[in-house]
Amino acid sequence: MGDEQDDKPLTTWEMLHSVLAAAFGVQSGKNRSRDFSRGKPRQFIILGVLFTACFVLLIAGIVQLVLYFSGV
């Protein structure tokens, strides 16, 4: 049974969870080893870049909102 799970590629949810956990520095060793054995680097790179872009846009939006309400 465990061998079947080890051969399956990661689901989108598993990859997203791993990217978010790694971004905040709370990735577990078990999940990290799972990612290296079952994940494809290209998928993690794409998700990482998308997460970073969304994070930067979110922060920029919050700054713009604060500046707008502060009257600057």
PDB file of N, CA and C in Angstrom:
ATOM      1  N   MET A   1       0.805  -1.199   0.000  1.00  0.00           N
ATOM      2  CA  MET A   1       0.000   0.000   0.000  1.00  0.00           C
ATOM      3  C   MET A   1       0.845   1.259   0.000  1.00  0.00           C
ATOM      4  N   GLY A   2       1.865   1.326   0.831  1.00  0.00           N
ATOM      5  CA  GLY A   2       2.708   2.509   0.913  1.00  0.00           C
ATOM      6  C   GLY A   2       3.457   2.777  -0.371  1.00  0.00           C
ATOM      7  N   ASP A   3       3.791   1.690  -1.131  1.00  0.00           N
ATOM      8  CA  ASP A   3       4.510   1.869  -2.379  1.00  0.00           C
ATOM      9  C   ASP A   3       3.650   2.546  -3.426  1.00  0.00           C
ATOM     10  N   GLU A   4       2.332   2.261  -3.438  1.00  0.00           N
ATOM     11  CA  GLU A   4       1.447   2.909  -4.389  1.00  0.00           C
ATOM     12  C   GLU A   4       1.394   4.414  -4.132  1.00  0.00           C
ATOM     13  N   GLN A   5       1.321   4.795  -2.876  1.00  0.00           N
ATOM     14  CA  GLN A   5       1.273   6.217  -2.518  1.00  0.00           C
ATOM     15  C   GLN A   5       2.587   6.907  -2.881  1.00  0.00           C
ATOM     16  N   ASP A   6       3.718   6.213  -2.756  1.00  0.00           N
ATOM     17  CA  ASP A   6       5.016   6.807  -3.052  1.00  0.00           C
ATOM     18  C   ASP A   6       5.212   7.052  -4.546  1.00  0.00           C
ATOM     19  N   ASP A   7       4.482   6.333  -5.405  1.00  0.00           N
ATOM     20  CA  ASP A   7       4.647   6.472  -6.842  1.00  0.00           C
ATOM     21  C   ASP A   7       3.732   7.528  -7.449  1.00  0.00           C
ATOM     22  N   LYS A   8       2.678   7.912  -6.740  1.00  0.00           N
ATOM     23  CA  LYS A   8       1.737   8.886  -7.279  1.00  0.00           C
ATOM     24  C   LYS A   8       2.352  10.280  -7.273  1.00  0.00           C
ATOM     25  N   PRO A   9       2.104  11.048  -8.343  1.00  0.00           N
ATOM     26  CA  PRO A   9       2.568  12.447  -8.313  1.00  0.00           C
ATOM     27  C   PRO A   9       1.760  13.239  -7.289  1.00  0.00           C
ATOM     28  N   LEU A  10       2.316  14.335  -6.852  1.00  0.00           N
ATOM     29  CA  LEU A  10       1.643  15.180  -5.871  1.00  0.00           C
ATOM     30  C   LEU A  10       0.407  15.821  -6.472  1.00  0.00           C
ATOM     31  N   THR A  11      -0.618  15.966  -5.659  1.00  0.00           N
ATOM     32  CA  THR A  11      -1.809  16.675  -6.106  1.00  0.00           C
ATOM     33  C   THR A  11      -1.534  18.178  -6.053  1.00  0.00           C
ATOM     34  N   THR A  12      -2.400  18.935  -6.692  1.00  0.00           N
ATOM     35  CA  THR A  12      -2.250  20.392  -6.677  1.00  0.00           C
ATOM     36  C   THR A  12      -2.341  20.920  -5.247  1.00  0.00           C
ATOM     37  N   TRP A  13      -3.264  20.363  -4.455  1.00  0.00           N
ATOM     38  CA  TRP A  13      -3.422  20.800  -3.068  1.00  0.00           C
ATOM     39  C   TRP A  13      -2.149  20.507  -2.263  1.00  0.00           C
ATOM     40  N   GLU A  14      -1.536  19.324  -2.450  1.00  0.00           N
ATOM     41  CA  GLU A  14      -0.302  18.984  -1.732  1.00  0.00           C
ATOM     42  C   GLU A  14       0.828  19.929  -2.110  1.00  0.00           C
ATOM     43  N   MET A  15       0.917  20.260  -3.396  1.00  0.00           N
ATOM     44  CA  MET A  15       1.975  21.176  -3.826  1.00  0.00           C
ATOM     45  C   MET A  15       1.739  22.581  -3.286  1.00  0.00           C
ATOM     46  N   LEU A  16       0.490  23.044  -3.319  1.00  0.00           N
ATOM     47  CA  LEU A  16       0.183  24.369  -2.792  1.00  0.00           C
ATOM     48  C   LEU A  16       0.463  24.435  -1.298  1.00  0.00           C
ATOM     49  N   HIS A  17       0.094  23.390  -0.586  1.00  0.00           N
ATOM     50  CA  HIS A  17       0.361  23.321   0.860  1.00  0.00           C
ATOM     51  C   HIS A  17       1.869  23.376   1.123  1.00  0.00           C
ATOM     52  N   SER A  18       2.635  22.671   0.328  1.00  0.00           N
ATOM     53  CA  SER A  18       4.092  22.658   0.503  1.00  0.00           C
ATOM     54  C   SER A  18       4.708  24.013   0.214  1.00  0.00           C
ATOM     55  N   VAL A  19       4.235  24.683  -0.841  1.00  0.00           N
ATOM     56  CA  VAL A  19       4.770  26.001  -1.191  1.00  0.00           C
ATOM     57  C   VAL A  19       4.454  27.006  -0.083  1.00  0.00           C
ATOM     58  N   LEU A  20       3.214  26.984   0.419  1.00  0.00           N
ATOM     59  CA  LEU A  20       2.840  27.911   1.492  1.00  0.00           C
ATOM     60  C   LEU A  20       3.616  27.618   2.775  1.00  0.00           C
ATOM     61  N   ALA A  21       3.759  26.345   3.120  1.00  0.00           N
ATOM     62  CA  ALA A  21       4.492  25.981   4.329  1.00  0.00           C
ATOM     63  C   ALA A  21       5.961  26.380   4.209  1.00  0.00           C
ATOM     64  N   ALA A  22       6.542  26.166   3.029  1.00  0.00           N
ATOM     65  CA  ALA A  22       7.943  26.538   2.829  1.00  0.00           C
ATOM     66  C   ALA A  22       8.117  28.054   2.872  1.00  0.00           C
ATOM     67  N   ALA A  23       7.150  28.786   2.334  1.00  0.00           N
ATOM     68  CA  ALA A  23       7.242  30.248   2.325  1.00  0.00           C
ATOM     69  C   ALA A  23       7.242  30.812   3.745  1.00  0.00           C
ATOM     70  N   PHE A  24       6.495  30.177   4.634  1.00  0.00           N
ATOM     71  CA  PHE A  24       6.433  30.650   6.013  1.00  0.00           C
ATOM     72  C   PHE A  24       7.421  29.931   6.925  1.00  0.00           C
ATOM     73  N   GLY A  25       8.193  28.991   6.361  1.00  0.00           N
ATOM     74  CA  GLY A  25       9.248  28.324   7.119  1.00  0.00           C
ATOM     75  C   GLY A  25       8.761  27.277   8.098  1.00  0.00           C
ATOM     76  N   VAL A  26       7.627  26.658   7.824  1.00  0.00           N
ATOM     77  CA  VAL A  26       7.087  25.666   8.745  1.00  0.00           C
ATOM     78  C   VAL A  26       6.910  24.293   8.090  1.00  0.00           C
ATOM     79  N   GLN A  27       7.636  24.037   7.007  1.00  0.00           N
ATOM     80  CA  GLN A  27       7.534  22.768   6.298  1.00  0.00           C
ATOM     81  C   GLN A  27       8.083  21.636   7.162  1.00  0.00           C
ATOM     82  N   SER A  28       7.329  20.557   7.291  1.00  0.00           N
ATOM     83  CA  SER A  28       7.788  19.420   8.091  1.00  0.00           C
ATOM     84  C   SER A  28       8.781  18.587   7.282  1.00  0.00           C
ATOM     85  N   GLY A  29       9.627  17.862   7.986  1.00  0.00           N
ATOM     86  CA  GLY A  29      10.603  17.009   7.336  1.00  0.00           C
ATOM     87  C   GLY A  29       9.951  15.917   6.512  1.00  0.00           C
ATOM     88  N   LYS A  30       8.829  15.395   7.002  1.00  0.00           N
ATOM     89  CA  LYS A  30       8.107  14.338   6.287  1.00  0.00           C
ATOM     90  C   LYS A  30       7.588  14.862   4.953  1.00  0.00           C
ATOM     91  N   ASN A  31       6.984  16.043   4.977  1.00  0.00           N
ATOM     92  CA  ASN A  31       6.467  16.621   3.734  1.00  0.00           C
ATOM     93  C   ASN A  31       7.587  17.041   2.792  1.00  0.00           C
ATOM     94  N   ARG A  32       8.671  17.526   3.347  1.00  0.00           N
ATOM     95  CA  ARG A  32       9.810  17.920   2.504  1.00  0.00           C
ATOM     96  C   ARG A  32      10.380  16.716   1.762  1.00  0.00           C
ATOM     97  N   SER A  33      10.545  15.592   2.464  1.00  0.00           N
ATOM     98  CA  SER A  33      11.066  14.397   1.797  1.00  0.00           C
ATOM     99  C   SER A  33      10.060  13.863   0.783  1.00  0.00           C
ATOM    100  N   ARG A  34       8.749  13.987   1.079  1.00  0.00           N
ATOM    101  CA  ARG A  34       7.716  13.595   0.120  1.00  0.00           C
ATOM    102  C   ARG A  34       7.822  14.445  -1.141  1.00  0.00           C
ATOM    103  N   ASP A  35       8.025  15.752  -0.957  1.00  0.00           N
ATOM    104  CA  ASP A  35       8.117  16.655  -2.097  1.00  0.00           C
ATOM    105  C   ASP A  35       9.300  16.317  -2.983  1.00  0.00           C
ATOM    106  N   PHE A  36      10.446  16.017  -2.372  1.00  0.00           N
ATOM    107  CA  PHE A  36      11.636  15.704  -3.151  1.00  0.00           C
ATOM    108  C   PHE A  36      11.520  14.366  -3.861  1.00  0.00           C
ATOM    109  N   SER A  37      10.778  13.428  -3.294  1.00  0.00           N
ATOM    110  CA  SER A  37      10.678  12.109  -3.923  1.00  0.00           C
ATOM    111  C   SER A  37       9.557  12.039  -4.965  1.00  0.00           C
ATOM    112  N   ARG A  38       8.468  12.786  -4.778  1.00  0.00           N
ATOM    113  CA  ARG A  38       7.315  12.680  -5.680  1.00  0.00           C
ATOM    114  C   ARG A  38       7.053  13.921  -6.511  1.00  0.00           C
ATOM    115  N   GLY A  39       7.625  15.056  -6.120  1.00  0.00           N
ATOM    116  CA  GLY A  39       7.327  16.305  -6.813  1.00  0.00           C
ATOM    117  C   GLY A  39       8.264  16.576  -7.974  1.00  0.00           C
ATOM    118  N   LYS A  40       7.800  17.435  -8.876  1.00  0.00           N
ATOM    119  CA  LYS A  40       8.611  17.862 -10.010  1.00  0.00           C
ATOM    120  C   LYS A  40       9.058  19.293  -9.756  1.00  0.00           C
ATOM    121  N   PRO A  41      10.347  19.578  -9.899  1.00  0.00           N
ATOM    122  CA  PRO A  41      10.857  20.915  -9.592  1.00  0.00           C
ATOM    123  C   PRO A  41      10.155  22.026 -10.367  1.00  0.00           C
ATOM    124  N   ARG A  42       9.859  21.785 -11.633  1.00  0.00           N
ATOM    125  CA  ARG A  42       9.228  22.816 -12.459  1.00  0.00           C
ATOM    126  C   ARG A  42       7.900  23.268 -11.853  1.00  0.00           C
ATOM    127  N   GLN A  43       7.121  22.325 -11.338  1.00  0.00           N
ATOM    128  CA  GLN A  43       5.832  22.674 -10.742  1.00  0.00           C
ATOM    129  C   GLN A  43       6.014  23.535  -9.492  1.00  0.00           C
ATOM    130  N   PHE A  44       7.009  23.194  -8.678  1.00  0.00           N
ATOM    131  CA  PHE A  44       7.259  23.980  -7.468  1.00  0.00           C
ATOM    132  C   PHE A  44       7.783  25.372  -7.813  1.00  0.00           C
ATOM    133  N   ILE A  45       8.591  25.474  -8.845  1.00  0.00           N
ATOM    134  CA  ILE A  45       9.115  26.768  -9.264  1.00  0.00           C
ATOM    135  C   ILE A  45       7.974  27.660  -9.752  1.00  0.00           C
ATOM    136  N   ILE A  46       7.089  27.105 -10.569  1.00  0.00           N
ATOM    137  CA  ILE A  46       5.960  27.872 -11.085  1.00  0.00           C
ATOM    138  C   ILE A  46       5.059  28.326  -9.946  1.00  0.00           C
ATOM    139  N   LEU A  47       4.717  27.401  -9.045  1.00  0.00           N
ATOM    140  CA  LEU A  47       3.867  27.765  -7.909  1.00  0.00           C
ATOM    141  C   LEU A  47       4.547  28.788  -7.005  1.00  0.00           C
ATOM    142  N   GLY A  48       5.852  28.639  -6.805  1.00  0.00           N
ATOM    143  CA  GLY A  48       6.594  29.586  -5.975  1.00  0.00           C
ATOM    144  C   GLY A  48       6.606  30.985  -6.561  1.00  0.00           C
ATOM    145  N   VAL A  49       6.796  31.075  -7.869  1.00  0.00           N
ATOM    146  CA  VAL A  49       6.795  32.378  -8.544  1.00  0.00           C
ATOM    147  C   VAL A  49       5.397  32.998  -8.482  1.00  0.00           C
ATOM    148  N   LEU A  50       4.364  32.188  -8.719  1.00  0.00           N
ATOM    149  CA  LEU A  50       2.989  32.700  -8.643  1.00  0.00           C
ATOM    150  C   LEU A  50       2.651  33.163  -7.229  1.00  0.00           C
ATOM    151  N   PHE A  51       3.055  32.385  -6.221  1.00  0.00           N
ATOM    152  CA  PHE A  51       2.793  32.781  -4.843  1.00  0.00           C
ATOM    153  C   PHE A  51       3.506  34.082  -4.518  1.00  0.00           C
ATOM    154  N   THR A  52       4.757  34.207  -4.931  1.00  0.00           N
ATOM    155  CA  THR A  52       5.527  35.419  -4.658  1.00  0.00           C
ATOM    156  C   THR A  52       4.892  36.633  -5.330  1.00  0.00           C
ATOM    157  N   ALA A  53       4.456  36.471  -6.579  1.00  0.00           N
ATOM    158  CA  ALA A  53       3.815  37.582  -7.291  1.00  0.00           C
ATOM    159  C   ALA A  53       2.518  37.993  -6.588  1.00  0.00           C
ATOM    160  N   CYS A  54       1.713  37.021  -6.188  1.00  0.00           N
ATOM    161  CA  CYS A  54       0.464  37.335  -5.472  1.00  0.00           C
ATOM    162  C   CYS A  54       0.750  38.014  -4.137  1.00  0.00           C
ATOM    163  N   PHE A  55       1.766  37.550  -3.442  1.00  0.00           N
ATOM    164  CA  PHE A  55       2.131  38.134  -2.151  1.00  0.00           C
ATOM    165  C   PHE A  55       2.572  39.583  -2.314  1.00  0.00           C
ATOM    166  N   VAL A  56       3.401  39.855  -3.323  1.00  0.00           N
ATOM    167  CA  VAL A  56       3.877  41.216  -3.575  1.00  0.00           C
ATOM    168  C   VAL A  56       2.710  42.116  -3.951  1.00  0.00           C
ATOM    169  N   LEU A  57       1.803  41.631  -4.812  1.00  0.00           N
ATOM    170  CA  LEU A  57       0.639  42.431  -5.190  1.00  0.00           C
ATOM    171  C   LEU A  57      -0.271  42.693  -4.002  1.00  0.00           C
ATOM    172  N   LEU A  58      -0.416  41.724  -3.128  1.00  0.00           N
ATOM    173  CA  LEU A  58      -1.230  41.906  -1.923  1.00  0.00           C
ATOM    174  C   LEU A  58      -0.636  42.978  -1.013  1.00  0.00           C
ATOM    175  N   ILE A  59       0.664  42.912  -0.791  1.00  0.00           N
ATOM    176  CA  ILE A  59       1.337  43.906   0.051  1.00  0.00           C
ATOM    177  C   ILE A  59       1.242  45.294  -0.584  1.00  0.00           C
ATOM    178  N   ALA A  60       1.449  45.386  -1.903  1.00  0.00           N
ATOM    179  CA  ALA A  60       1.350  46.677  -2.588  1.00  0.00           C
ATOM    180  C   ALA A  60      -0.069  47.228  -2.483  1.00  0.00           C
ATOM    181  N   GLY A  61      -1.063  46.363  -2.598  1.00  0.00           N
ATOM    182  CA  GLY A  61      -2.446  46.797  -2.467  1.00  0.00           C
ATOM    183  C   GLY A  61      -2.760  47.305  -1.072  1.00  0.00           C
ATOM    184  N   ILE A  62      -2.244  46.613  -0.066  1.00  0.00           N
ATOM    185  CA  ILE A  62      -2.453  47.046   1.316  1.00  0.00           C
ATOM    186  C   ILE A  62      -1.788  48.401   1.555  1.00  0.00           C
ATOM    187  N   VAL A  63      -0.589  48.584   1.040  1.00  0.00           N
ATOM    188  CA  VAL A  63       0.110  49.865   1.194  1.00  0.00           C
ATOM    189  C   VAL A  63      -0.679  50.975   0.512  1.00  0.00           C
ATOM    190  N   GLN A  64      -1.161  50.717  -0.695  1.00  0.00           N
ATOM    191  CA  GLN A  64      -1.953  51.720  -1.404  1.00  0.00           C
ATOM    192  C   GLN A  64      -3.226  52.064  -0.633  1.00  0.00           C
ATOM    193  N   LEU A  65      -3.868  51.076  -0.056  1.00  0.00           N
ATOM    194  CA  LEU A  65      -5.079  51.292   0.728  1.00  0.00           C
ATOM    195  C   LEU A  65      -4.795  52.133   1.967  1.00  0.00           C
ATOM    196  N   VAL A  66      -3.703  51.821   2.648  1.00  0.00           N
ATOM    197  CA  VAL A  66      -3.325  52.597   3.834  1.00  0.00           C
ATOM    198  C   VAL A  66      -2.995  54.033   3.446  1.00  0.00           C
ATOM    199  N   LEU A  67      -2.258  54.216   2.361  1.00  0.00           N
ATOM    200  CA  LEU A  67      -1.926  55.575   1.912  1.00  0.00           C
ATOM    201  C   LEU A  67      -3.185  56.342   1.510  1.00  0.00           C
ATOM    202  N   TYR A  68      -4.114  55.682   0.878  1.00  0.00           N
ATOM    203  CA  TYR A  68      -5.359  56.333   0.480  1.00  0.00           C
ATOM    204  C   TYR A  68      -6.143  56.814   1.709  1.00  0.00           C
ATOM    205  N   PHE A  69      -6.276  55.947   2.700  1.00  0.00           N
ATOM    206  CA  PHE A  69      -7.036  56.320   3.890  1.00  0.00           C
ATOM    207  C   PHE A  69      -6.296  57.306   4.793  1.00  0.00           C
ATOM    208  N   SER A  70      -4.983  57.380   4.658  1.00  0.00           N
ATOM    209  CA  SER A  70      -4.241  58.329   5.470  1.00  0.00           C
ATOM    210  C   SER A  70      -4.170  59.710   4.810  1.00  0.00           C
ATOM    211  N   GLY A  71      -4.608  59.791   3.556  1.00  0.00           N
ATOM    212  CA  GLY A  71      -4.649  61.077   2.869  1.00  0.00           C
ATOM    213  C   GLY A  71      -3.329  61.472   2.234  1.00  0.00           C
ATOM    214  N   VAL A  72      -2.441  60.563   2.070  1.00  0.00           N
ATOM    215  CA  VAL A  72      -1.145  60.885   1.454  1.00  0.00           C
ATOM    216  C   VAL A  72      -1.235  60.764  -0.047  1.00  0.00           C
TER     217      VAL A  72
END
